Amino acid sequence: MLVAGGRVAEFVAGDATLQVGGGHVSYASLSGNSFGSLHAGEVERLDLFELADVTLAGGRVVDSIYVQDQANLTLNGAEVTTELVASQTATIVIDGGSAAQLRLFDHSAATLRGGSVDQIALDELVPDRQSASVTVVGSEFNHPPGLLPAAAVFIGADTALGPFYLAYGHAFDASLNTVYFYLGRFY
């Protein structure tokens, strides 16, 4: 389905293609081997399931986007004004554009290579399950007050004198550096 102008109340389909080049879509849900793209215009809510693959190259998502069940979403230039949620091994790539909140559950993953995200939350829906992961490469993350973006490198070895640990940490915004050295057993 191609939406170039006007208004669509609801689009729900499996094994389909949705292209929005303008206009307004109130609700879209894609599943199966569906493909979609948003180049201009506005979508209020977008749900992706079961291997759906969508690229948001422009335009605006007003309400929220839910990506589940191995679905893939690429954000290249669109604006997501509320939340972007991924669960159940879904994948999100943000190359440009912006999202107010990114929430990840249950083995889902996100890669931020450009654009901006105001808030990131990693949650577990089921206790004792592996959580989600985020990789940030050259993207702007507006961290909340009290948190600093940082990186660390750890090295450990088993030596004749006991365990050896060496670590280096760096907080980027505050230019804080820390070196950690430990030799021997913890008692």
Foldseek 3Di string as FASTA:
>chain_A
DEAAAEEAAEAEDEPEEYEYNAYEYAEYEYEHAYEYEYCAYEYAEYEYEHQYEYEYQEYEHNHEYEYEHQYEYEYNAYEYEAEYEYEHQYEYEYCAYEYAEYEYEHAHEYEYAEYEYAYYYWDYPDPPGDIYYYHYHNYYYNDDPPDFDKDKDKDWDQDPQGIWIWMWMAGPPVRDIDIDTDTHDDD
